[in-house]
């Protein structure tokens, strides 16, 4: 969960802002962002008090997975919902109340 206290955030925010400004100079290249995220987790693991052990590596993986899931939940899903309302559904399956009524397969002719 990324919702740490404001006090704890102060330790990281200036570094994150500097990194973000550096990434902006790279024209928001996906590879650069991926490198920064990967390098952060690698360095975190290298400095982990338990060293390179399964549990520590698993904690790094879980943090990345949870961050990705939370990003999807708070950024991507609302964006997709807005676009669906703006442009219309893909099919009846986008509306769960209608999708439940689709019990018989429809044949395409």
PDB file of N, CA and C in Angstrom:
ATOM      1  N   UNK A   1       0.854  -1.178   0.000  1.00  0.00           N
ATOM      2  CA  UNK A   1       0.000   0.000   0.000  1.00  0.00           C
ATOM      3  C   UNK A   1       0.895   1.234   0.000  1.00  0.00           C
ATOM      4  N   UNK A   2       0.705   2.132  -0.968  1.00  0.00           N
ATOM      5  CA  UNK A   2       1.581   3.303  -1.068  1.00  0.00           C
ATOM      6  C   UNK A   2       1.196   4.459  -0.154  1.00  0.00           C
ATOM      7  N   UNK A   3       0.188   4.279   0.665  1.00  0.00           N
ATOM      8  CA  UNK A   3      -0.338   5.396   1.444  1.00  0.00           C
ATOM      9  C   UNK A   3       0.364   5.510   2.792  1.00  0.00           C
ATOM     10  N   UNK A   4       1.678   5.801   2.715  1.00  0.00           N
ATOM     11  CA  UNK A   4       2.459   5.996   3.931  1.00  0.00           C
ATOM     12  C   UNK A   4       2.184   7.405   4.468  1.00  0.00           C
ATOM     13  N   UNK A   5       2.618   7.655   5.689  1.00  0.00           N
ATOM     14  CA  UNK A   5       2.347   8.949   6.311  1.00  0.00           C
ATOM     15  C   UNK A   5       3.035  10.086   5.553  1.00  0.00           C
ATOM     16  N   UNK A   6       2.494  11.282   5.718  1.00  0.00           N
ATOM     17  CA  UNK A   6       3.083  12.457   5.086  1.00  0.00           C
ATOM     18  C   UNK A   6       4.530  12.648   5.542  1.00  0.00           C
ATOM     19  N   UNK A   7       4.797  12.367   6.794  1.00  0.00           N
ATOM     20  CA  UNK A   7       6.151  12.514   7.333  1.00  0.00           C
ATOM     21  C   UNK A   7       7.129  11.588   6.613  1.00  0.00           C
ATOM     22  N   UNK A   8       6.736  10.353   6.400  1.00  0.00           N
ATOM     23  CA  UNK A   8       7.613   9.399   5.712  1.00  0.00           C
ATOM     24  C   UNK A   8       7.778   9.772   4.244  1.00  0.00           C
ATOM     25  N   UNK A   9       6.746  10.319   3.631  1.00  0.00           N
ATOM     26  CA  UNK A   9       6.832  10.728   2.224  1.00  0.00           C
ATOM     27  C   UNK A   9       7.893  11.804   2.023  1.00  0.00           C
ATOM     28  N   UNK A  10       8.053  12.684   3.007  1.00  0.00           N
ATOM     29  CA  UNK A  10       9.017  13.779   2.898  1.00  0.00           C
ATOM     30  C   UNK A  10      10.433  13.265   2.649  1.00  0.00           C
ATOM     31  N   UNK A  11      10.737  12.061   3.130  1.00  0.00           N
ATOM     32  CA  UNK A  11      12.072  11.483   2.934  1.00  0.00           C
ATOM     33  C   UNK A  11      12.335  11.143   1.469  1.00  0.00           C
ATOM     34  N   UNK A  12      11.287  10.925   0.701  1.00  0.00           N
ATOM     35  CA  UNK A  12      11.445  10.420  -0.667  1.00  0.00           C
ATOM     36  C   UNK A  12      11.061  11.416  -1.753  1.00  0.00           C
ATOM     37  N   UNK A  13      10.149  12.317  -1.458  1.00  0.00           N
ATOM     38  CA  UNK A  13       9.545  13.139  -2.509  1.00  0.00           C
ATOM     39  C   UNK A  13      10.544  13.985  -3.294  1.00  0.00           C
ATOM     40  N   UNK A  14      11.555  14.550  -2.646  1.00  0.00           N
ATOM     41  CA  UNK A  14      12.513  15.380  -3.397  1.00  0.00           C
ATOM     42  C   UNK A  14      13.326  14.517  -4.366  1.00  0.00           C
ATOM     43  N   UNK A  15      13.668  13.307  -3.965  1.00  0.00           N
ATOM     44  CA  UNK A  15      14.397  12.404  -4.856  1.00  0.00           C
ATOM     45  C   UNK A  15      13.517  11.951  -6.023  1.00  0.00           C
ATOM     46  N   UNK A  16      12.264  11.668  -5.719  1.00  0.00           N
ATOM     47  CA  UNK A  16      11.334  11.234  -6.772  1.00  0.00           C
ATOM     48  C   UNK A  16      11.097  12.366  -7.767  1.00  0.00           C
ATOM     49  N   UNK A  17      10.970  13.600  -7.272  1.00  0.00           N
ATOM     50  CA  UNK A  17      10.793  14.742  -8.161  1.00  0.00           C
ATOM     51  C   UNK A  17      12.011  14.912  -9.067  1.00  0.00           C
ATOM     52  N   UNK A  18      13.209  14.801  -8.515  1.00  0.00           N
ATOM     53  CA  UNK A  18      14.427  14.928  -9.318  1.00  0.00           C
ATOM     54  C   UNK A  18      14.489  13.823 -10.376  1.00  0.00           C
ATOM     55  N   UNK A  19      14.133  12.611 -10.005  1.00  0.00           N
ATOM     56  CA  UNK A  19      14.116  11.502 -10.958  1.00  0.00           C
ATOM     57  C   UNK A  19      13.084  11.748 -12.053  1.00  0.00           C
ATOM     58  N   UNK A  20      11.925  12.231 -11.663  1.00  0.00           N
ATOM     59  CA  UNK A  20      10.863  12.523 -12.638  1.00  0.00           C
ATOM     60  C   UNK A  20      11.325  13.585 -13.627  1.00  0.00           C
ATOM     61  N   UNK A  21      11.980  14.621 -13.139  1.00  0.00           N
ATOM     62  CA  UNK A  21      12.480  15.674 -14.018  1.00  0.00           C
ATOM     63  C   UNK A  21      13.526  15.124 -14.978  1.00  0.00           C
ATOM     64  N   UNK A  22      14.357  14.211 -14.506  1.00  0.00           N
ATOM     65  CA  UNK A  22      15.344  13.580 -15.373  1.00  0.00           C
ATOM     66  C   UNK A  22      14.662  12.718 -16.431  1.00  0.00           C
ATOM     67  N   UNK A  23      13.628  12.000 -16.040  1.00  0.00           N
ATOM     68  CA  UNK A  23      12.888  11.166 -16.996  1.00  0.00           C
ATOM     69  C   UNK A  23      12.193  12.020 -18.055  1.00  0.00           C
ATOM     70  N   UNK A  24      11.720  13.200 -17.676  1.00  0.00           N
ATOM     71  CA  UNK A  24      11.069  14.091 -18.642  1.00  0.00           C
ATOM     72  C   UNK A  24      12.021  14.452 -19.775  1.00  0.00           C
ATOM     73  N   UNK A  25      13.306  14.544 -19.478  1.00  0.00           N
ATOM     74  CA  UNK A  25      14.298  14.876 -20.494  1.00  0.00           C
ATOM     75  C   UNK A  25      14.499  13.729 -21.479  1.00  0.00           C
ATOM     76  N   UNK A  26      14.037  12.550 -21.134  1.00  0.00           N
ATOM     77  CA  UNK A  26      14.149  11.380 -21.999  1.00  0.00           C
ATOM     78  C   UNK A  26      12.870  11.163 -22.801  1.00  0.00           C
ATOM     79  N   UNK A  27      12.017  12.166 -22.850  1.00  0.00           N
ATOM     80  CA  UNK A  27      10.763  12.127 -23.607  1.00  0.00           C
ATOM     81  C   UNK A  27       9.852  10.990 -23.162  1.00  0.00           C
ATOM     82  N   UNK A  28       9.826  10.730 -21.876  1.00  0.00           N
ATOM     83  CA  UNK A  28       8.936   9.727 -21.290  1.00  0.00           C
ATOM     84  C   UNK A  28       9.089   8.360 -21.942  1.00  0.00           C
ATOM     85  N   UNK A  29      10.322   7.945 -22.154  1.00  0.00           N
ATOM     86  CA  UNK A  29      10.591   6.637 -22.745  1.00  0.00           C
ATOM     87  C   UNK A  29      10.260   5.543 -21.739  1.00  0.00           C
ATOM     88  N   UNK A  30       9.487   4.561 -22.177  1.00  0.00           N
ATOM     89  CA  UNK A  30       9.073   3.455 -21.320  1.00  0.00           C
ATOM     90  C   UNK A  30      10.271   2.683 -20.779  1.00  0.00           C
ATOM     91  N   UNK A  31      11.290   2.495 -21.593  1.00  0.00           N
ATOM     92  CA  UNK A  31      12.474   1.752 -21.161  1.00  0.00           C
ATOM     93  C   UNK A  31      13.187   2.434 -20.013  1.00  0.00           C
ATOM     94  N   UNK A  32      13.265   3.766 -20.063  1.00  0.00           N
ATOM     95  CA  UNK A  32      13.915   4.503 -18.982  1.00  0.00           C
ATOM     96  C   UNK A  32      13.131   4.359 -17.673  1.00  0.00           C
ATOM     97  N   UNK A  33      11.824   4.469 -17.767  1.00  0.00           N
ATOM     98  CA  UNK A  33      10.989   4.308 -16.573  1.00  0.00           C
ATOM     99  C   UNK A  33      11.133   2.900 -16.011  1.00  0.00           C
ATOM    100  N   UNK A  34      11.093   1.897 -16.885  1.00  0.00           N
ATOM    101  CA  UNK A  34      11.245   0.509 -16.452  1.00  0.00           C
ATOM    102  C   UNK A  34      12.606   0.308 -15.780  1.00  0.00           C
ATOM    103  N   UNK A  35      13.652   0.892 -16.361  1.00  0.00           N
ATOM    104  CA  UNK A  35      14.981   0.783 -15.759  1.00  0.00           C
ATOM    105  C   UNK A  35      14.988   1.371 -14.349  1.00  0.00           C
ATOM    106  N   UNK A  36      14.411   2.559 -14.190  1.00  0.00           N
ATOM    107  CA  UNK A  36      14.418   3.220 -12.881  1.00  0.00           C
ATOM    108  C   UNK A  36      13.682   2.396 -11.830  1.00  0.00           C
ATOM    109  N   UNK A  37      12.551   1.850 -12.201  1.00  0.00           N
ATOM    110  CA  UNK A  37      11.789   1.020 -11.265  1.00  0.00           C
ATOM    111  C   UNK A  37      12.587  -0.239 -10.916  1.00  0.00           C
ATOM    112  N   UNK A  38      13.135  -0.896 -11.946  1.00  0.00           N
ATOM    113  CA  UNK A  38      13.921  -2.114 -11.724  1.00  0.00           C
ATOM    114  C   UNK A  38      15.150  -1.837 -10.876  1.00  0.00           C
ATOM    115  N   UNK A  39      15.861  -0.763 -11.189  1.00  0.00           N
ATOM    116  CA  UNK A  39      17.071  -0.426 -10.452  1.00  0.00           C
ATOM    117  C   UNK A  39      16.753  -0.128  -8.986  1.00  0.00           C
ATOM    118  N   UNK A  40      15.652   0.568  -8.730  1.00  0.00           N
ATOM    119  CA  UNK A  40      15.250   0.865  -7.363  1.00  0.00           C
ATOM    120  C   UNK A  40      15.032  -0.418  -6.569  1.00  0.00           C
ATOM    121  N   UNK A  41      14.316  -1.366  -7.151  1.00  0.00           N
ATOM    122  CA  UNK A  41      14.047  -2.619  -6.446  1.00  0.00           C
ATOM    123  C   UNK A  41      15.330  -3.438  -6.294  1.00  0.00           C
ATOM    124  N   UNK A  42      16.184  -3.421  -7.315  1.00  0.00           N
ATOM    125  CA  UNK A  42      17.461  -4.128  -7.210  1.00  0.00           C
ATOM    126  C   UNK A  42      18.297  -3.556  -6.068  1.00  0.00           C
ATOM    127  N   UNK A  43      18.426  -2.225  -6.017  1.00  0.00           N
ATOM    128  CA  UNK A  43      19.223  -1.595  -4.967  1.00  0.00           C
ATOM    129  C   UNK A  43      18.618  -1.846  -3.590  1.00  0.00           C
ATOM    130  N   UNK A  44      17.298  -1.810  -3.513  1.00  0.00           N
ATOM    131  CA  UNK A  44      16.621  -2.105  -2.252  1.00  0.00           C
ATOM    132  C   UNK A  44      16.973  -3.516  -1.791  1.00  0.00           C
ATOM    133  N   UNK A  45      16.979  -4.450  -2.732  1.00  0.00           N
ATOM    134  CA  UNK A  45      17.276  -5.843  -2.396  1.00  0.00           C
ATOM    135  C   UNK A  45      18.758  -6.027  -2.036  1.00  0.00           C
ATOM    136  N   UNK A  46      19.644  -5.350  -2.761  1.00  0.00           N
ATOM    137  CA  UNK A  46      21.078  -5.447  -2.462  1.00  0.00           C
ATOM    138  C   UNK A  46      21.360  -4.969  -1.040  1.00  0.00           C
ATOM    139  N   UNK A  47      20.648  -3.936  -0.601  1.00  0.00           N
ATOM    140  CA  UNK A  47      20.860  -3.371   0.739  1.00  0.00           C
ATOM    141  C   UNK A  47      19.980  -4.013   1.806  1.00  0.00           C
ATOM    142  N   UNK A  48      19.182  -4.993   1.443  1.00  0.00           N
ATOM    143  CA  UNK A  48      18.270  -5.623   2.393  1.00  0.00           C
ATOM    144  C   UNK A  48      19.063  -6.306   3.502  1.00  0.00           C
ATOM    145  N   UNK A  49      18.652  -6.138   4.757  1.00  0.00           N
ATOM    146  CA  UNK A  49      19.407  -6.743   5.860  1.00  0.00           C
ATOM    147  C   UNK A  49      19.518  -8.264   5.784  1.00  0.00           C
ATOM    148  N   UNK A  50      18.567  -8.910   5.126  1.00  0.00           N
ATOM    149  CA  UNK A  50      18.624 -10.370   4.993  1.00  0.00           C
ATOM    150  C   UNK A  50      19.445 -10.811   3.791  1.00  0.00           C
ATOM    151  N   UNK A  51      19.888  -9.861   2.973  1.00  0.00           N
ATOM    152  CA  UNK A  51      20.636 -10.208   1.771  1.00  0.00           C
ATOM    153  C   UNK A  51      19.719 -10.795   0.716  1.00  0.00           C
ATOM    154  N   UNK A  52      20.342 -11.422  -0.268  1.00  0.00           N
ATOM    155  CA  UNK A  52      19.565 -12.005  -1.363  1.00  0.00           C
ATOM    156  C   UNK A  52      19.013 -13.355  -0.914  1.00  0.00           C
ATOM    157  N   UNK A  53      17.830 -13.301  -0.367  1.00  0.00           N
ATOM    158  CA  UNK A  53      17.099 -14.487   0.074  1.00  0.00           C
ATOM    159  C   UNK A  53      15.734 -14.467  -0.603  1.00  0.00           C
ATOM    160  N   UNK A  54      15.114 -15.617  -0.664  1.00  0.00           N
ATOM    161  CA  UNK A  54      13.822 -15.711  -1.339  1.00  0.00           C
ATOM    162  C   UNK A  54      12.805 -14.738  -0.746  1.00  0.00           C
ATOM    163  N   UNK A  55      12.704 -14.687   0.582  1.00  0.00           N
ATOM    164  CA  UNK A  55      11.689 -13.835   1.205  1.00  0.00           C
ATOM    165  C   UNK A  55      11.896 -12.368   0.865  1.00  0.00           C
ATOM    166  N   UNK A  56      13.141 -11.915   0.852  1.00  0.00           N
ATOM    167  CA  UNK A  56      13.421 -10.522   0.514  1.00  0.00           C
ATOM    168  C   UNK A  56      13.087 -10.252  -0.957  1.00  0.00           C
ATOM    169  N   UNK A  57      13.505 -11.149  -1.845  1.00  0.00           N
ATOM    170  CA  UNK A  57      13.198 -10.994  -3.268  1.00  0.00           C
ATOM    171  C   UNK A  57      11.687 -11.023  -3.487  1.00  0.00           C
ATOM    172  N   UNK A  58      11.014 -11.898  -2.762  1.00  0.00           N
ATOM    173  CA  UNK A  58       9.562 -11.991  -2.866  1.00  0.00           C
ATOM    174  C   UNK A  58       8.898 -10.696  -2.390  1.00  0.00           C
ATOM    175  N   UNK A  59       9.441 -10.088  -1.340  1.00  0.00           N
ATOM    176  CA  UNK A  59       8.906  -8.806  -0.867  1.00  0.00           C
ATOM    177  C   UNK A  59       9.044  -7.727  -1.937  1.00  0.00           C
ATOM    178  N   UNK A  60      10.178  -7.701  -2.637  1.00  0.00           N
ATOM    179  CA  UNK A  60      10.357  -6.743  -3.729  1.00  0.00           C
ATOM    180  C   UNK A  60       9.361  -6.977  -4.841  1.00  0.00           C
ATOM    181  N   UNK A  61       9.170  -8.237  -5.201  1.00  0.00           N
ATOM    182  CA  UNK A  61       8.202  -8.592  -6.246  1.00  0.00           C
ATOM    183  C   UNK A  61       6.784  -8.203  -5.822  1.00  0.00           C
ATOM    184  N   UNK A  62       6.445  -8.494  -4.561  1.00  0.00           N
ATOM    185  CA  UNK A  62       5.105  -8.159  -4.065  1.00  0.00           C
ATOM    186  C   UNK A  62       4.881  -6.653  -4.066  1.00  0.00           C
ATOM    187  N   UNK A  63       5.899  -5.888  -3.727  1.00  0.00           N
ATOM    188  CA  UNK A  63       5.763  -4.428  -3.737  1.00  0.00           C
ATOM    189  C   UNK A  63       5.505  -3.921  -5.153  1.00  0.00           C
ATOM    190  N   UNK A  64       6.239  -4.452  -6.143  1.00  0.00           N
ATOM    191  CA  UNK A  64       6.020  -4.030  -7.533  1.00  0.00           C
ATOM    192  C   UNK A  64       4.642  -4.452  -8.026  1.00  0.00           C
ATOM    193  N   UNK A  65       4.229  -5.655  -7.690  1.00  0.00           N
ATOM    194  CA  UNK A  65       2.925  -6.150  -8.115  1.00  0.00           C
ATOM    195  C   UNK A  65       1.802  -5.342  -7.480  1.00  0.00           C
ATOM    196  N   UNK A  66       1.931  -5.062  -6.190  1.00  0.00           N
ATOM    197  CA  UNK A  66       0.910  -4.271  -5.499  1.00  0.00           C
ATOM    198  C   UNK A  66       0.856  -2.851  -6.048  1.00  0.00           C
ATOM    199  N   UNK A  67       2.022  -2.279  -6.343  1.00  0.00           N
ATOM    200  CA  UNK A  67       2.059  -0.929  -6.910  1.00  0.00           C
ATOM    201  C   UNK A  67       1.373  -0.914  -8.280  1.00  0.00           C
ATOM    202  N   UNK A  68       1.634  -1.920  -9.090  1.00  0.00           N
ATOM    203  CA  UNK A  68       0.997  -1.997 -10.409  1.00  0.00           C
ATOM    204  C   UNK A  68      -0.522  -2.145 -10.277  1.00  0.00           C
ATOM    205  N   UNK A  69      -0.965  -2.982  -9.350  1.00  0.00           N
ATOM    206  CA  UNK A  69      -2.405  -3.180  -9.143  1.00  0.00           C
ATOM    207  C   UNK A  69      -3.066  -1.898  -8.640  1.00  0.00           C
ATOM    208  N   UNK A  70      -2.404  -1.198  -7.735  1.00  0.00           N
ATOM    209  CA  UNK A  70      -2.967   0.047  -7.206  1.00  0.00           C
ATOM    210  C   UNK A  70      -2.991   1.132  -8.281  1.00  0.00           C
ATOM    211  N   UNK A  71      -1.961   1.180  -9.118  1.00  0.00           N
ATOM    212  CA  UNK A  71      -1.932   2.123 -10.232  1.00  0.00           C
ATOM    213  C   UNK A  71      -3.098   1.849 -11.185  1.00  0.00           C
ATOM    214  N   UNK A  72      -3.324   0.576 -11.482  1.00  0.00           N
ATOM    215  CA  UNK A  72      -4.451   0.231 -12.346  1.00  0.00           C
ATOM    216  C   UNK A  72      -5.776   0.669 -11.707  1.00  0.00           C
ATOM    217  N   UNK A  73      -5.925   0.407 -10.418  1.00  0.00           N
ATOM    218  CA  UNK A  73      -7.181   0.707  -9.724  1.00  0.00           C
ATOM    219  C   UNK A  73      -7.487   2.196  -9.680  1.00  0.00           C
ATOM    220  N   UNK A  74      -6.485   3.030  -9.379  1.00  0.00           N
ATOM    221  CA  UNK A  74      -6.766   4.451  -9.156  1.00  0.00           C
ATOM    222  C   UNK A  74      -6.542   5.325 -10.384  1.00  0.00           C
ATOM    223  N   UNK A  75      -5.767   4.845 -11.378  1.00  0.00           N
ATOM    224  CA  UNK A  75      -5.495   5.673 -12.556  1.00  0.00           C
ATOM    225  C   UNK A  75      -6.134   5.101 -13.813  1.00  0.00           C
ATOM    226  N   UNK A  76      -5.816   3.870 -14.147  1.00  0.00           N
ATOM    227  CA  UNK A  76      -6.246   3.314 -15.429  1.00  0.00           C
ATOM    228  C   UNK A  76      -7.730   2.976 -15.447  1.00  0.00           C
ATOM    229  N   UNK A  77      -8.239   2.303 -14.430  1.00  0.00           N
ATOM    230  CA  UNK A  77      -9.656   1.899 -14.437  1.00  0.00           C
ATOM    231  C   UNK A  77     -10.602   3.098 -14.541  1.00  0.00           C
ATOM    232  N   UNK A  78     -10.406   4.166 -13.748  1.00  0.00           N
ATOM    233  CA  UNK A  78     -11.299   5.322 -13.913  1.00  0.00           C
ATOM    234  C   UNK A  78     -11.192   5.954 -15.307  1.00  0.00           C
ATOM    235  N   UNK A  79      -9.980   5.978 -15.877  1.00  0.00           N
ATOM    236  CA  UNK A  79      -9.802   6.500 -17.231  1.00  0.00           C
ATOM    237  C   UNK A  79     -10.584   5.647 -18.236  1.00  0.00           C
ATOM    238  N   UNK A  80     -10.459   4.328 -18.119  1.00  0.00           N
ATOM    239  CA  UNK A  80     -11.188   3.433 -19.020  1.00  0.00           C
ATOM    240  C   UNK A  80     -12.698   3.580 -18.846  1.00  0.00           C
ATOM    241  N   UNK A  81     -13.165   3.736 -17.617  1.00  0.00           N
ATOM    242  CA  UNK A  81     -14.594   3.937 -17.372  1.00  0.00           C
ATOM    243  C   UNK A  81     -15.088   5.204 -18.056  1.00  0.00           C
ATOM    244  N   UNK A  82     -14.318   6.287 -17.958  1.00  0.00           N
ATOM    245  CA  UNK A  82     -14.701   7.548 -18.601  1.00  0.00           C
ATOM    246  C   UNK A  82     -14.742   7.391 -20.109  1.00  0.00           C
ATOM    247  N   UNK A  83     -13.771   6.703 -20.688  1.00  0.00           N
ATOM    248  CA  UNK A  83     -13.748   6.495 -22.142  1.00  0.00           C
ATOM    249  C   UNK A  83     -14.894   5.599 -22.593  1.00  0.00           C
ATOM    250  N   UNK A  84     -15.249   4.618 -21.778  1.00  0.00           N
ATOM    251  CA  UNK A  84     -16.381   3.757 -22.104  1.00  0.00           C
ATOM    252  C   UNK A  84     -17.674   4.567 -22.142  1.00  0.00           C
ATOM    253  N   UNK A  85     -17.845   5.458 -21.170  1.00  0.00           N
ATOM    254  CA  UNK A  85     -19.038   6.311 -21.161  1.00  0.00           C
ATOM    255  C   UNK A  85     -19.032   7.274 -22.340  1.00  0.00           C
ATOM    256  N   UNK A  86     -17.854   7.783 -22.670  1.00  0.00           N
ATOM    257  CA  UNK A  86     -17.727   8.742 -23.774  1.00  0.00           C
ATOM    258  C   UNK A  86     -17.956   8.089 -25.135  1.00  0.00           C
ATOM    259  N   UNK A  87     -17.377   6.901 -25.339  1.00  0.00           N
ATOM    260  CA  UNK A  87     -17.383   6.279 -26.661  1.00  0.00           C
ATOM    261  C   UNK A  87     -18.292   5.069 -26.794  1.00  0.00           C
ATOM    262  N   UNK A  88     -18.862   4.612 -25.704  1.00  0.00           N
ATOM    263  CA  UNK A  88     -19.745   3.454 -25.751  1.00  0.00           C
ATOM    264  C   UNK A  88     -19.019   2.162 -25.444  1.00  0.00           C
ATOM    265  N   UNK A  89     -19.797   1.177 -25.054  1.00  0.00           N
ATOM    266  CA  UNK A  89     -19.271  -0.131 -24.671  1.00  0.00           C
ATOM    267  C   UNK A  89     -18.744  -0.885 -25.879  1.00  0.00           C
ATOM    268  N   UNK A  90     -17.892  -1.849 -25.622  1.00  0.00           N
ATOM    269  CA  UNK A  90     -17.407  -2.744 -26.668  1.00  0.00           C
ATOM    270  C   UNK A  90     -18.520  -3.710 -27.067  1.00  0.00           C
ATOM    271  N   UNK A  91     -19.197  -4.264 -26.058  1.00  0.00           N
ATOM    272  CA  UNK A  91     -20.302  -5.188 -26.299  1.00  0.00           C
ATOM    273  C   UNK A  91     -21.180  -5.226 -25.057  1.00  0.00           C
ATOM    274  N   UNK A  92     -22.215  -6.057 -25.094  1.00  0.00           N
ATOM    275  CA  UNK A  92     -23.102  -6.184 -23.933  1.00  0.00           C
ATOM    276  C   UNK A  92     -22.366  -6.722 -22.717  1.00  0.00           C
ATOM    277  N   UNK A  93     -21.229  -7.380 -22.923  1.00  0.00           N
ATOM    278  CA  UNK A  93     -20.472  -7.931 -21.797  1.00  0.00           C
ATOM    279  C   UNK A  93     -19.888  -6.841 -20.901  1.00  0.00           C
ATOM    280  N   UNK A  94     -19.791  -5.613 -21.422  1.00  0.00           N
ATOM    281  CA  UNK A  94     -19.298  -4.504 -20.606  1.00  0.00           C
ATOM    282  C   UNK A  94     -20.293  -4.084 -19.533  1.00  0.00           C
ATOM    283  N   UNK A  95     -21.540  -4.464 -19.686  1.00  0.00           N
ATOM    284  CA  UNK A  95     -22.568  -4.123 -18.706  1.00  0.00           C
ATOM    285  C   UNK A  95     -22.948  -5.402 -17.969  1.00  0.00           C
ATOM    286  N   UNK A  96     -22.525  -5.545 -16.711  1.00  0.00           N
ATOM    287  CA  UNK A  96     -22.763  -6.813 -16.005  1.00  0.00           C
ATOM    288  C   UNK A  96     -24.237  -7.161 -15.865  1.00  0.00           C
ATOM    289  N   UNK A  97     -25.120  -6.168 -15.824  1.00  0.00           N
ATOM    290  CA  UNK A  97     -26.543  -6.496 -15.695  1.00  0.00           C
ATOM    291  C   UNK A  97     -27.071  -7.127 -16.974  1.00  0.00           C
ATOM    292  N   UNK A  98     -26.517  -6.734 -18.104  1.00  0.00           N
ATOM    293  CA  UNK A  98     -26.933  -7.322 -19.381  1.00  0.00           C
ATOM    294  C   UNK A  98     -26.173  -8.624 -19.616  1.00  0.00           C
ATOM    295  N   UNK A  99     -24.897  -8.641 -19.260  1.00  0.00           N
ATOM    296  CA  UNK A  99     -24.066  -9.818 -19.516  1.00  0.00           C
ATOM    297  C   UNK A  99     -24.637 -11.064 -18.856  1.00  0.00           C
ATOM    298  N   UNK A 100     -25.246 -10.923 -17.693  1.00  0.00           N
ATOM    299  CA  UNK A 100     -25.839 -12.065 -17.004  1.00  0.00           C
ATOM    300  C   UNK A 100     -26.993 -12.668 -17.800  1.00  0.00           C
ATOM    301  N   UNK A 101     -27.620 -11.862 -18.637  1.00  0.00           N
ATOM    302  CA  UNK A 101     -28.731 -12.355 -19.453  1.00  0.00           C
ATOM    303  C   UNK A 101     -28.246 -13.118 -20.680  1.00  0.00           C
ATOM    304  N   UNK A 102     -26.976 -13.048 -20.995  1.00  0.00           N
ATOM    305  CA  UNK A 102     -26.407 -13.682 -22.197  1.00  0.00           C
ATOM    306  C   UNK A 102     -26.021 -15.123 -21.889  1.00  0.00           C
ATOM    307  N   UNK A 103     -26.984 -15.965 -21.663  1.00  0.00           N
ATOM    308  CA  UNK A 103     -26.719 -17.351 -21.304  1.00  0.00           C
ATOM    309  C   UNK A 103     -26.603 -18.254 -22.531  1.00  0.00           C
ATOM    310  N   UNK A 104     -27.219 -17.849 -23.625  1.00  0.00           N
ATOM    311  CA  UNK A 104     -27.182 -18.650 -24.837  1.00  0.00           C
ATOM    312  C   UNK A 104     -26.161 -18.033 -25.798  1.00  0.00           C
ATOM    313  N   UNK A 105     -25.210 -18.835 -26.255  1.00  0.00           N
ATOM    314  CA  UNK A 105     -24.223 -18.301 -27.197  1.00  0.00           C
ATOM    315  C   UNK A 105     -24.887 -17.762 -28.455  1.00  0.00           C
ATOM    316  N   UNK A 106     -24.387 -16.683 -28.946  1.00  0.00           N
ATOM    317  CA  UNK A 106     -24.903 -16.108 -30.185  1.00  0.00           C
ATOM    318  C   UNK A 106     -24.026 -16.583 -31.307  1.00  0.00           C
ATOM    319  N   UNK A 107     -24.644 -17.055 -32.360  1.00  0.00           N
ATOM    320  CA  UNK A 107     -23.909 -17.523 -33.533  1.00  0.00           C
ATOM    321  C   UNK A 107     -23.717 -16.381 -34.517  1.00  0.00           C
ATOM    322  N   UNK A 108     -22.485 -16.215 -34.969  1.00  0.00           N
ATOM    323  CA  UNK A 108     -22.194 -15.203 -35.976  1.00  0.00           C
ATOM    324  C   UNK A 108     -22.391 -15.824 -37.349  1.00  0.00           C
ATOM    325  N   UNK A 109     -23.167 -15.179 -38.190  1.00  0.00           N
ATOM    326  CA  UNK A 109     -23.400 -15.720 -39.542  1.00  0.00           C
ATOM    327  C   UNK A 109     -22.881 -14.781 -40.588  1.00  0.00           C
TER     328      UNK A 109
END
